[in-house]
Amino acid sequence: MDQERPHLAFRTALGFKAEVLDAAAIADLEPALAGTFSHGLLFPDWCSVSDTEGFIAALTRSFIDQGGVRGRGQVKRLDEVVDHASGVTLNNGVRYAADHVVIAAGLGSRAFLHQLGVKIPLAGIAGYQVLLPTPEVTIHHSVTLPDGGFCLSPMTRGLQIAGTMEFARPNAEPNFKRTDIILEKARKILPRPQMANFEYGVGYRPYLPDTKPVIDRSTRLSNVFLAFGHGQLGLTLGATTGRLIAQMVAGRVPAKNLEPFSAARFFP
């Protein structure tokens, strides 16, 4: 707990609410963890998404209801006319015309950097997770264990245990020994968890050396916008990034200073 106090003071100074918990308070909030921890921190404004598939489906429905069209396929190239993009062509030959193009493909955004003439050291970091469909233990909050390097998250499909990261290529073979490690750590704190029929998973997060995303306009194709490199915070920062990109697309001055997120900051 002592090592967390400087971070707690920093968060508090930035306006984040935090409460220090003793063993009894932890037991009240998470009975399944009673007697396991002597101290903890509660962030009462911390929110999480328990149904990621449903969340994405709802966003898609909203987009389509407002006149959007969803296309499926891998983008082969950006089509160019003079100094701007006229659309995109998919590997299957289908072409979509566009007045503006937003590159927001996470790690997949690297495929467009050469065409855009920009050097960005975008790296993939693999994060591992295990889903217990019938854990036979109830966790009410997202519980992060910094010393153990993993997090427990209640999901609609079960209990998710996520943690450990490693640099990896997008198509690299997953190293599921890492999920065995976090499962073993979870066994030490969860009372008789049901570990049968669990599901392994891995996600490749787009990271940049300074941990800040790229939110910018292409200097080569004036109607192409860049929005990627959010690391583990894609869901958290997606709405803010979308709002800033929308402001630029509409020709308005962005509500935030975007110089720290420039695409040229690594290789001016």
C-alpha atoms as a PDB file:
ATOM      1  CA  MET A   1       0.000   0.000   0.000  1.00  0.00           C
ATOM      2  CA  ASP A   2       2.875   2.388   0.783  1.00  0.00           C
ATOM      3  CA  GLN A   3       4.117   2.219  -2.798  1.00  0.00           C
ATOM      4  CA  GLU A   4       0.687   3.303  -4.037  1.00  0.00           C
ATOM      5  CA  ARG A   5       0.442   6.447  -1.897  1.00  0.00           C
ATOM      6  CA  PRO A   6       2.455   8.716  -4.262  1.00  0.00           C
ATOM      7  CA  HIS A   7       0.254   7.571  -7.177  1.00  0.00           C
ATOM      8  CA  LEU A   8      -2.848   8.146  -5.049  1.00  0.00           C
ATOM      9  CA  ALA A   9      -1.774  11.715  -4.287  1.00  0.00           C
ATOM     10  CA  PHE A  10      -1.117  12.324  -7.993  1.00  0.00           C
ATOM     11  CA  ARG A  11      -4.545  11.006  -8.982  1.00  0.00           C
ATOM     12  CA  THR A  12      -6.252  13.064  -6.294  1.00  0.00           C
ATOM     13  CA  ALA A  13      -4.477  16.214  -7.496  1.00  0.00           C
ATOM     14  CA  LEU A  14      -5.906  15.551 -10.968  1.00  0.00           C
ATOM     15  CA  GLY A  15      -9.422  15.274  -9.602  1.00  0.00           C
ATOM     16  CA  PHE A  16      -9.835  11.489  -9.480  1.00  0.00           C
ATOM     17  CA  LYS A  17     -11.862  10.206  -6.560  1.00  0.00           C
ATOM     18  CA  ALA A  18     -10.231   7.423  -4.551  1.00  0.00           C
ATOM     19  CA  GLU A  19     -11.003   5.753  -1.247  1.00  0.00           C
ATOM     20  CA  VAL A  20      -8.564   3.757   0.877  1.00  0.00           C
ATOM     21  CA  LEU A  21     -10.105   0.469   2.012  1.00  0.00           C
ATOM     22  CA  ASP A  22      -9.247  -1.742   4.941  1.00  0.00           C
ATOM     23  CA  ALA A  23      -9.908  -5.483   5.117  1.00  0.00           C
ATOM     24  CA  ALA A  24     -13.471  -5.038   6.392  1.00  0.00           C
ATOM     25  CA  ALA A  25     -14.388  -2.588   3.628  1.00  0.00           C
ATOM     26  CA  ILE A  26     -12.959  -4.944   1.013  1.00  0.00           C
ATOM     27  CA  ALA A  27     -15.037  -7.801   2.428  1.00  0.00           C
ATOM     28  CA  ASP A  28     -18.189  -5.647   2.241  1.00  0.00           C
ATOM     29  CA  LEU A  29     -17.583  -4.795  -1.423  1.00  0.00           C
ATOM     30  CA  GLU A  30     -16.260  -8.194  -2.509  1.00  0.00           C
ATOM     31  CA  PRO A  31     -17.308 -10.987  -0.110  1.00  0.00           C
ATOM     32  CA  ALA A  32     -15.494 -13.559  -2.252  1.00  0.00           C
ATOM     33  CA  LEU A  33     -12.204 -11.834  -1.437  1.00  0.00           C
ATOM     34  CA  ALA A  34     -12.826 -11.525   2.331  1.00  0.00           C
ATOM     35  CA  GLY A  35      -9.665 -12.190   4.313  1.00  0.00           C
ATOM     36  CA  THR A  36      -7.460 -12.068   1.226  1.00  0.00           C
ATOM     37  CA  PHE A  37      -6.287  -8.453   1.309  1.00  0.00           C
ATOM     38  CA  SER A  38      -5.588  -6.032   4.144  1.00  0.00           C
ATOM     39  CA  HIS A  39      -5.743  -2.822   2.097  1.00  0.00           C
ATOM     40  CA  GLY A  40      -7.054  -1.627  -1.225  1.00  0.00           C
ATOM     41  CA  LEU A  41      -8.143   1.383  -3.243  1.00  0.00           C
ATOM     42  CA  LEU A  42     -11.621   2.037  -4.586  1.00  0.00           C
ATOM     43  CA  PHE A  43     -12.168   4.370  -7.536  1.00  0.00           C
ATOM     44  CA  PRO A  44     -15.918   5.055  -7.309  1.00  0.00           C
ATOM     45  CA  ASP A  45     -16.113   6.721 -10.738  1.00  0.00           C
ATOM     46  CA  TRP A  46     -14.338   3.845 -12.493  1.00  0.00           C
ATOM     47  CA  CYS A  47     -16.604   2.283 -15.124  1.00  0.00           C
ATOM     48  CA  SER A  48     -16.227  -0.840 -17.207  1.00  0.00           C
ATOM     49  CA  VAL A  49     -17.995  -2.584 -20.083  1.00  0.00           C
ATOM     50  CA  SER A  50     -19.229  -6.052 -19.190  1.00  0.00           C
ATOM     51  CA  ASP A  51     -20.475  -6.944 -22.684  1.00  0.00           C
ATOM     52  CA  THR A  52     -17.946  -5.783 -25.267  1.00  0.00           C
ATOM     53  CA  GLU A  53     -19.653  -7.607 -28.140  1.00  0.00           C
ATOM     54  CA  GLY A  54     -23.001  -6.031 -27.259  1.00  0.00           C
ATOM     55  CA  PHE A  55     -21.387  -2.617 -26.912  1.00  0.00           C
ATOM     56  CA  ILE A  56     -19.858  -2.797 -30.395  1.00  0.00           C
ATOM     57  CA  ALA A  57     -23.129  -4.121 -31.843  1.00  0.00           C
ATOM     58  CA  ALA A  58     -25.034  -1.190 -30.307  1.00  0.00           C
ATOM     59  CA  LEU A  59     -22.562   1.325 -31.764  1.00  0.00           C
ATOM     60  CA  THR A  60     -22.889  -0.337 -35.167  1.00  0.00           C
ATOM     61  CA  ARG A  61     -26.696  -0.201 -35.030  1.00  0.00           C
ATOM     62  CA  SER A  62     -26.579   3.472 -34.087  1.00  0.00           C
ATOM     63  CA  PHE A  63     -24.221   4.188 -36.984  1.00  0.00           C
ATOM     64  CA  ILE A  64     -26.448   2.374 -39.487  1.00  0.00           C
ATOM     65  CA  ASP A  65     -29.630   3.970 -38.099  1.00  0.00           C
ATOM     66  CA  GLN A  66     -28.088   7.382 -38.792  1.00  0.00           C
ATOM     67  CA  GLY A  67     -27.417   6.512 -42.416  1.00  0.00           C
ATOM     68  CA  GLY A  68     -24.031   4.827 -42.163  1.00  0.00           C
ATOM     69  CA  VAL A  69     -23.095   1.837 -44.296  1.00  0.00           C
ATOM     70  CA  ARG A  70     -20.975  -1.013 -42.967  1.00  0.00           C
ATOM     71  CA  GLY A  71     -18.676  -2.757 -45.421  1.00  0.00           C
ATOM     72  CA  ARG A  72     -16.632  -5.882 -44.744  1.00  0.00           C
ATOM     73  CA  GLY A  73     -13.240  -6.607 -46.244  1.00  0.00           C
ATOM     74  CA  GLN A  74      -9.546  -5.839 -46.112  1.00  0.00           C
ATOM     75  CA  VAL A  75      -8.449  -2.500 -47.513  1.00  0.00           C
ATOM     76  CA  LYS A  76      -5.912  -2.964 -50.299  1.00  0.00           C
ATOM     77  CA  ARG A  77      -5.054   0.690 -50.824  1.00  0.00           C
ATOM     78  CA  LEU A  78      -6.131   4.286 -50.546  1.00  0.00           C
ATOM     79  CA  ASP A  79      -7.162   5.634 -53.957  1.00  0.00           C
ATOM     80  CA  GLU A  80      -5.472   8.936 -54.730  1.00  0.00           C
ATOM     81  CA  VAL A  81      -6.315  11.976 -56.847  1.00  0.00           C
ATOM     82  CA  VAL A  82      -3.618  14.681 -56.789  1.00  0.00           C
ATOM     83  CA  ASP A  83      -3.129  15.494 -53.085  1.00  0.00           C
ATOM     84  CA  HIS A  84      -6.115  13.763 -51.532  1.00  0.00           C
ATOM     85  CA  ALA A  85      -7.748  10.345 -51.243  1.00  0.00           C
ATOM     86  CA  SER A  86     -10.798   9.676 -53.383  1.00  0.00           C
ATOM     87  CA  GLY A  87     -11.730   6.488 -51.560  1.00  0.00           C
ATOM     88  CA  VAL A  88     -10.507   3.012 -50.666  1.00  0.00           C
ATOM     89  CA  THR A  89     -10.314  -0.244 -52.609  1.00  0.00           C
ATOM     90  CA  LEU A  90     -10.730  -3.609 -50.925  1.00  0.00           C
ATOM     91  CA  ASN A  91      -8.874  -6.809 -51.740  1.00  0.00           C
ATOM     92  CA  ASN A  92     -12.038  -8.179 -53.378  1.00  0.00           C
ATOM     93  CA  GLY A  93     -12.115  -5.233 -55.803  1.00  0.00           C
ATOM     94  CA  VAL A  94     -14.999  -3.385 -54.143  1.00  0.00           C
ATOM     95  CA  ARG A  95     -14.381   0.354 -54.005  1.00  0.00           C
ATOM     96  CA  TYR A  96     -15.824   2.919 -51.630  1.00  0.00           C
ATOM     97  CA  ALA A  97     -15.675   6.563 -52.665  1.00  0.00           C
ATOM     98  CA  ALA A  98     -15.057   9.037 -49.859  1.00  0.00           C
ATOM     99  CA  ASP A  99     -14.774  12.743 -49.198  1.00  0.00           C
ATOM    100  CA  HIS A 100     -12.687  11.984 -46.114  1.00  0.00           C
ATOM    101  CA  VAL A 101     -10.858   8.885 -44.888  1.00  0.00           C
ATOM    102  CA  VAL A 102     -10.046   8.112 -41.237  1.00  0.00           C
ATOM    103  CA  ILE A 103      -7.320   5.551 -40.531  1.00  0.00           C
ATOM    104  CA  ALA A 104      -8.379   4.084 -37.183  1.00  0.00           C
ATOM    105  CA  ALA A 105      -7.330   0.448 -37.602  1.00  0.00           C
ATOM    106  CA  GLY A 106      -5.229   0.010 -34.496  1.00  0.00           C
ATOM    107  CA  LEU A 107      -2.114  -1.997 -35.257  1.00  0.00           C
ATOM    108  CA  GLY A 108      -3.428  -2.528 -38.790  1.00  0.00           C
ATOM    109  CA  SER A 109      -2.864   1.175 -39.435  1.00  0.00           C
ATOM    110  CA  ARG A 110       0.796   0.352 -40.123  1.00  0.00           C
ATOM    111  CA  ALA A 111      -0.226  -0.930 -43.570  1.00  0.00           C
ATOM    112  CA  PHE A 112      -0.960   2.641 -44.707  1.00  0.00           C
ATOM    113  CA  LEU A 113       2.077   4.470 -43.321  1.00  0.00           C
ATOM    114  CA  HIS A 114       4.305   3.936 -46.375  1.00  0.00           C
ATOM    115  CA  GLN A 115       1.643   5.244 -48.765  1.00  0.00           C
ATOM    116  CA  LEU A 116       1.103   8.240 -46.495  1.00  0.00           C
ATOM    117  CA  GLY A 117       4.843   8.938 -46.406  1.00  0.00           C
ATOM    118  CA  VAL A 118       5.116   9.037 -42.626  1.00  0.00           C
ATOM    119  CA  LYS A 119       7.318   7.114 -40.208  1.00  0.00           C
ATOM    120  CA  ILE A 120       5.594   6.107 -36.981  1.00  0.00           C
ATOM    121  CA  PRO A 121       7.118   3.455 -34.657  1.00  0.00           C
ATOM    122  CA  LEU A 122       3.813   1.669 -34.026  1.00  0.00           C
ATOM    123  CA  ALA A 123       4.409  -1.602 -32.186  1.00  0.00           C
ATOM    124  CA  GLY A 124       2.149  -4.486 -31.287  1.00  0.00           C
ATOM    125  CA  ILE A 125       1.906  -5.675 -27.696  1.00  0.00           C
ATOM    126  CA  ALA A 126       0.022  -8.889 -27.026  1.00  0.00           C
ATOM    127  CA  GLY A 127      -2.210  -8.931 -23.952  1.00  0.00           C
ATOM    128  CA  TYR A 128      -3.619 -12.214 -22.677  1.00  0.00           C
ATOM    129  CA  GLN A 129      -6.889 -13.135 -21.024  1.00  0.00           C
ATOM    130  CA  VAL A 130      -8.865 -16.109 -19.766  1.00  0.00           C
ATOM    131  CA  LEU A 131     -12.651 -16.249 -19.544  1.00  0.00           C
ATOM    132  CA  LEU A 132     -14.262 -18.529 -16.956  1.00  0.00           C
ATOM    133  CA  PRO A 133     -17.852 -19.095 -18.205  1.00  0.00           C
ATOM    134  CA  THR A 134     -19.011 -20.664 -14.899  1.00  0.00           C
ATOM    135  CA  PRO A 135     -16.562 -19.445 -12.250  1.00  0.00           C
ATOM    136  CA  GLU A 136     -18.824 -20.327  -9.292  1.00  0.00           C
ATOM    137  CA  VAL A 137     -17.504 -17.214  -7.578  1.00  0.00           C
ATOM    138  CA  THR A 138     -19.016 -13.731  -7.797  1.00  0.00           C
ATOM    139  CA  ILE A 139     -16.895 -10.620  -8.330  1.00  0.00           C
ATOM    140  CA  HIS A 140     -18.828  -7.332  -8.384  1.00  0.00           C
ATOM    141  CA  HIS A 141     -16.137  -4.855  -9.492  1.00  0.00           C
ATOM    142  CA  SER A 142     -13.126  -4.822 -11.745  1.00  0.00           C
ATOM    143  CA  VAL A 143     -10.339  -5.805  -9.368  1.00  0.00           C
ATOM    144  CA  THR A 144      -6.758  -5.009 -10.332  1.00  0.00           C
ATOM    145  CA  LEU A 145      -3.847  -6.626  -8.532  1.00  0.00           C
ATOM    146  CA  PRO A 146      -0.720  -4.593  -9.377  1.00  0.00           C
ATOM    147  CA  ASP A 147       1.676  -7.006  -7.684  1.00  0.00           C
ATOM    148  CA  GLY A 148       0.190  -9.951  -9.539  1.00  0.00           C
ATOM    149  CA  GLY A 149       0.004  -8.146 -12.847  1.00  0.00           C
ATOM    150  CA  PHE A 150      -3.577  -9.116 -13.637  1.00  0.00           C
ATOM    151  CA  CYS A 151      -7.177  -7.953 -13.361  1.00  0.00           C
ATOM    152  CA  LEU A 152     -10.478  -9.663 -12.577  1.00  0.00           C
ATOM    153  CA  SER A 153     -13.449  -8.329 -14.548  1.00  0.00           C
ATOM    154  CA  PRO A 154     -17.065  -9.524 -14.271  1.00  0.00           C
ATOM    155  CA  MET A 155     -18.465  -9.985 -17.790  1.00  0.00           C
ATOM    156  CA  THR A 156     -21.867 -11.068 -19.050  1.00  0.00           C
ATOM    157  CA  ARG A 157     -20.276 -14.287 -20.332  1.00  0.00           C
ATOM    158  CA  GLY A 158     -18.369 -15.058 -17.126  1.00  0.00           C
ATOM    159  CA  LEU A 159     -15.331 -13.867 -15.176  1.00  0.00           C
ATOM    160  CA  GLN A 160     -12.443 -12.513 -17.197  1.00  0.00           C
ATOM    161  CA  ILE A 161      -8.885 -12.725 -15.906  1.00  0.00           C
ATOM    162  CA  ALA A 162      -6.508 -10.578 -17.933  1.00  0.00           C
ATOM    163  CA  GLY A 163      -2.859  -9.737 -17.606  1.00  0.00           C
ATOM    164  CA  THR A 164       0.753  -9.977 -18.830  1.00  0.00           C
ATOM    165  CA  MET A 165       1.974  -8.396 -22.050  1.00  0.00           C
ATOM    166  CA  GLU A 166       4.728  -8.981 -24.561  1.00  0.00           C
ATOM    167  CA  PHE A 167       5.896  -7.413 -27.808  1.00  0.00           C
ATOM    168  CA  ALA A 168       4.537  -9.408 -30.721  1.00  0.00           C
ATOM    169  CA  ARG A 169       3.966  -9.238 -34.466  1.00  0.00           C
ATOM    170  CA  PRO A 170       0.287  -9.026 -35.526  1.00  0.00           C
ATOM    171  CA  ASN A 171       0.276 -12.601 -36.846  1.00  0.00           C
ATOM    172  CA  ALA A 172       2.568 -14.070 -34.203  1.00  0.00           C
ATOM    173  CA  GLU A 173       1.603 -17.371 -32.638  1.00  0.00           C
ATOM    174  CA  PRO A 174       0.111 -16.643 -29.167  1.00  0.00           C
ATOM    175  CA  ASN A 175       2.151 -17.761 -26.172  1.00  0.00           C
ATOM    176  CA  PHE A 176      -0.636 -19.228 -24.058  1.00  0.00           C
ATOM    177  CA  LYS A 177       1.825 -20.202 -21.329  1.00  0.00           C
ATOM    178  CA  ARG A 178       1.172 -16.674 -20.145  1.00  0.00           C
ATOM    179  CA  THR A 179      -2.494 -17.467 -19.567  1.00  0.00           C
ATOM    180  CA  ASP A 180      -1.439 -20.465 -17.481  1.00  0.00           C
ATOM    181  CA  ILE A 181       0.557 -18.073 -15.303  1.00  0.00           C
ATOM    182  CA  ILE A 182      -2.352 -15.705 -14.661  1.00  0.00           C
ATOM    183  CA  LEU A 183      -4.687 -18.641 -14.033  1.00  0.00           C
ATOM    184  CA  GLU A 184      -2.331 -19.952 -11.372  1.00  0.00           C
ATOM    185  CA  LYS A 185      -2.177 -16.526  -9.730  1.00  0.00           C
ATOM    186  CA  ALA A 186      -5.982 -16.279  -9.765  1.00  0.00           C
ATOM    187  CA  ARG A 187      -6.278 -19.664  -8.050  1.00  0.00           C
ATOM    188  CA  LYS A 188      -4.373 -18.241  -5.086  1.00  0.00           C
ATOM    189  CA  ILE A 189      -6.924 -15.512  -4.356  1.00  0.00           C
ATOM    190  CA  LEU A 190     -10.259 -16.905  -5.571  1.00  0.00           C
ATOM    191  CA  PRO A 191     -12.113 -19.354  -3.304  1.00  0.00           C
ATOM    192  CA  ARG A 192     -12.543 -22.644  -5.209  1.00  0.00           C
ATOM    193  CA  PRO A 193     -12.912 -21.098  -8.680  1.00  0.00           C
ATOM    194  CA  GLN A 194     -14.347 -23.325 -11.388  1.00  0.00           C
ATOM    195  CA  MET A 195     -11.536 -23.459 -13.920  1.00  0.00           C
ATOM    196  CA  ALA A 196     -13.193 -25.926 -16.315  1.00  0.00           C
ATOM    197  CA  ASN A 197     -14.198 -24.983 -19.873  1.00  0.00           C
ATOM    198  CA  PHE A 198     -12.251 -21.741 -19.786  1.00  0.00           C
ATOM    199  CA  GLU A 199     -11.499 -19.788 -22.964  1.00  0.00           C
ATOM    200  CA  TYR A 200      -8.124 -18.356 -23.897  1.00  0.00           C
ATOM    201  CA  GLY A 201      -7.796 -15.038 -25.693  1.00  0.00           C
ATOM    202  CA  VAL A 202      -5.142 -12.634 -26.914  1.00  0.00           C
ATOM    203  CA  GLY A 203      -5.368  -9.087 -28.214  1.00  0.00           C
ATOM    204  CA  TYR A 204      -2.722  -7.059 -30.027  1.00  0.00           C
ATOM    205  CA  ARG A 205      -2.637  -3.503 -28.718  1.00  0.00           C
ATOM    206  CA  PRO A 206      -1.139  -0.664 -30.818  1.00  0.00           C
ATOM    207  CA  TYR A 207       1.551   1.047 -28.740  1.00  0.00           C
ATOM    208  CA  LEU A 208       3.801   4.036 -29.363  1.00  0.00           C
ATOM    209  CA  PRO A 209       7.037   4.750 -27.443  1.00  0.00           C
ATOM    210  CA  ASP A 210       5.612   7.752 -25.555  1.00  0.00           C
ATOM    211  CA  THR A 211       2.271   5.939 -24.891  1.00  0.00           C
ATOM    212  CA  LYS A 212       0.297   8.724 -26.575  1.00  0.00           C
ATOM    213  CA  PRO A 213      -1.839   8.049 -29.675  1.00  0.00           C
ATOM    214  CA  VAL A 214      -1.558   9.697 -33.051  1.00  0.00           C
ATOM    215  CA  ILE A 215      -4.446  12.105 -33.711  1.00  0.00           C
ATOM    216  CA  ASP A 216      -3.578  14.092 -36.795  1.00  0.00           C
ATOM    217  CA  ARG A 217      -4.175  14.942 -40.453  1.00  0.00           C
ATOM    218  CA  SER A 218      -1.980  13.431 -43.164  1.00  0.00           C
ATOM    219  CA  THR A 219       0.465  15.933 -44.646  1.00  0.00           C
ATOM    220  CA  ARG A 220       0.511  14.029 -47.958  1.00  0.00           C
ATOM    221  CA  LEU A 221      -3.208  13.382 -48.508  1.00  0.00           C
ATOM    222  CA  SER A 222      -5.059  16.326 -47.032  1.00  0.00           C
ATOM    223  CA  ASN A 223      -8.392  14.572 -46.447  1.00  0.00           C
ATOM    224  CA  VAL A 224      -6.929  11.566 -44.628  1.00  0.00           C
ATOM    225  CA  PHE A 225      -6.976  11.611 -40.832  1.00  0.00           C
ATOM    226  CA  LEU A 226      -5.016   9.422 -38.426  1.00  0.00           C
ATOM    227  CA  ALA A 227      -6.373   8.049 -35.154  1.00  0.00           C
ATOM    228  CA  PHE A 228      -4.474   5.109 -33.691  1.00  0.00           C
ATOM    229  CA  GLY A 229      -1.886   4.018 -31.125  1.00  0.00           C
ATOM    230  CA  HIS A 230      -4.070   4.129 -27.993  1.00  0.00           C
ATOM    231  CA  GLY A 231      -2.462   1.066 -26.408  1.00  0.00           C
ATOM    232  CA  GLN A 232      -4.753  -0.368 -23.734  1.00  0.00           C
ATOM    233  CA  LEU A 233      -6.970   2.717 -23.735  1.00  0.00           C
ATOM    234  CA  GLY A 234      -8.737   2.407 -27.064  1.00  0.00           C
ATOM    235  CA  LEU A 235     -12.174   1.963 -25.517  1.00  0.00           C
ATOM    236  CA  THR A 236     -11.488   4.640 -22.901  1.00  0.00           C
ATOM    237  CA  LEU A 237     -10.242   7.289 -25.316  1.00  0.00           C
ATOM    238  CA  GLY A 238     -12.198   6.278 -28.427  1.00  0.00           C
ATOM    239  CA  ALA A 239     -15.059   8.726 -27.959  1.00  0.00           C
ATOM    240  CA  THR A 240     -12.738  11.665 -27.244  1.00  0.00           C
ATOM    241  CA  THR A 241     -10.556  10.814 -30.236  1.00  0.00           C
ATOM    242  CA  GLY A 242     -13.633  10.468 -32.448  1.00  0.00           C
ATOM    243  CA  ARG A 243     -14.905  13.860 -31.369  1.00  0.00           C
ATOM    244  CA  LEU A 244     -11.554  15.522 -32.145  1.00  0.00           C
ATOM    245  CA  ILE A 245     -11.311  13.833 -35.539  1.00  0.00           C
ATOM    246  CA  ALA A 246     -14.902  14.870 -36.337  1.00  0.00           C
ATOM    247  CA  GLN A 247     -14.029  18.472 -35.527  1.00  0.00           C
ATOM    248  CA  MET A 248     -11.074  18.359 -37.930  1.00  0.00           C
ATOM    249  CA  VAL A 249     -13.124  16.684 -40.674  1.00  0.00           C
ATOM    250  CA  ALA A 250     -15.753  19.420 -40.286  1.00  0.00           C
ATOM    251  CA  GLY A 251     -13.073  22.095 -40.675  1.00  0.00           C
ATOM    252  CA  ARG A 252     -13.358  23.282 -37.089  1.00  0.00           C
ATOM    253  CA  VAL A 253     -10.555  23.984 -34.644  1.00  0.00           C
ATOM    254  CA  PRO A 254     -10.145  20.918 -32.378  1.00  0.00           C
ATOM    255  CA  ALA A 255     -11.193  21.423 -28.771  1.00  0.00           C
ATOM    256  CA  LYS A 256      -7.762  20.227 -27.603  1.00  0.00           C
ATOM    257  CA  ASN A 257      -4.229  21.105 -28.596  1.00  0.00           C
ATOM    258  CA  LEU A 258      -3.231  18.137 -30.779  1.00  0.00           C
ATOM    259  CA  GLU A 259       0.460  18.973 -31.139  1.00  0.00           C
ATOM    260  CA  PRO A 260       1.458  16.304 -28.554  1.00  0.00           C
ATOM    261  CA  PHE A 261      -0.314  13.723 -30.763  1.00  0.00           C
ATOM    262  CA  SER A 262       1.310  14.748 -34.038  1.00  0.00           C
ATOM    263  CA  ALA A 263       2.243  11.986 -36.478  1.00  0.00           C
ATOM    264  CA  ALA A 264       5.559  13.741 -37.117  1.00  0.00           C
ATOM    265  CA  ARG A 265       6.688  13.865 -33.498  1.00  0.00           C
ATOM    266  CA  PHE A 266       8.964  10.832 -33.772  1.00  0.00           C
ATOM    267  CA  PHE A 267      10.665  11.666 -37.093  1.00  0.00           C
ATOM    268  CA  PRO A 268      10.195  15.412 -37.767  1.00  0.00           C
END
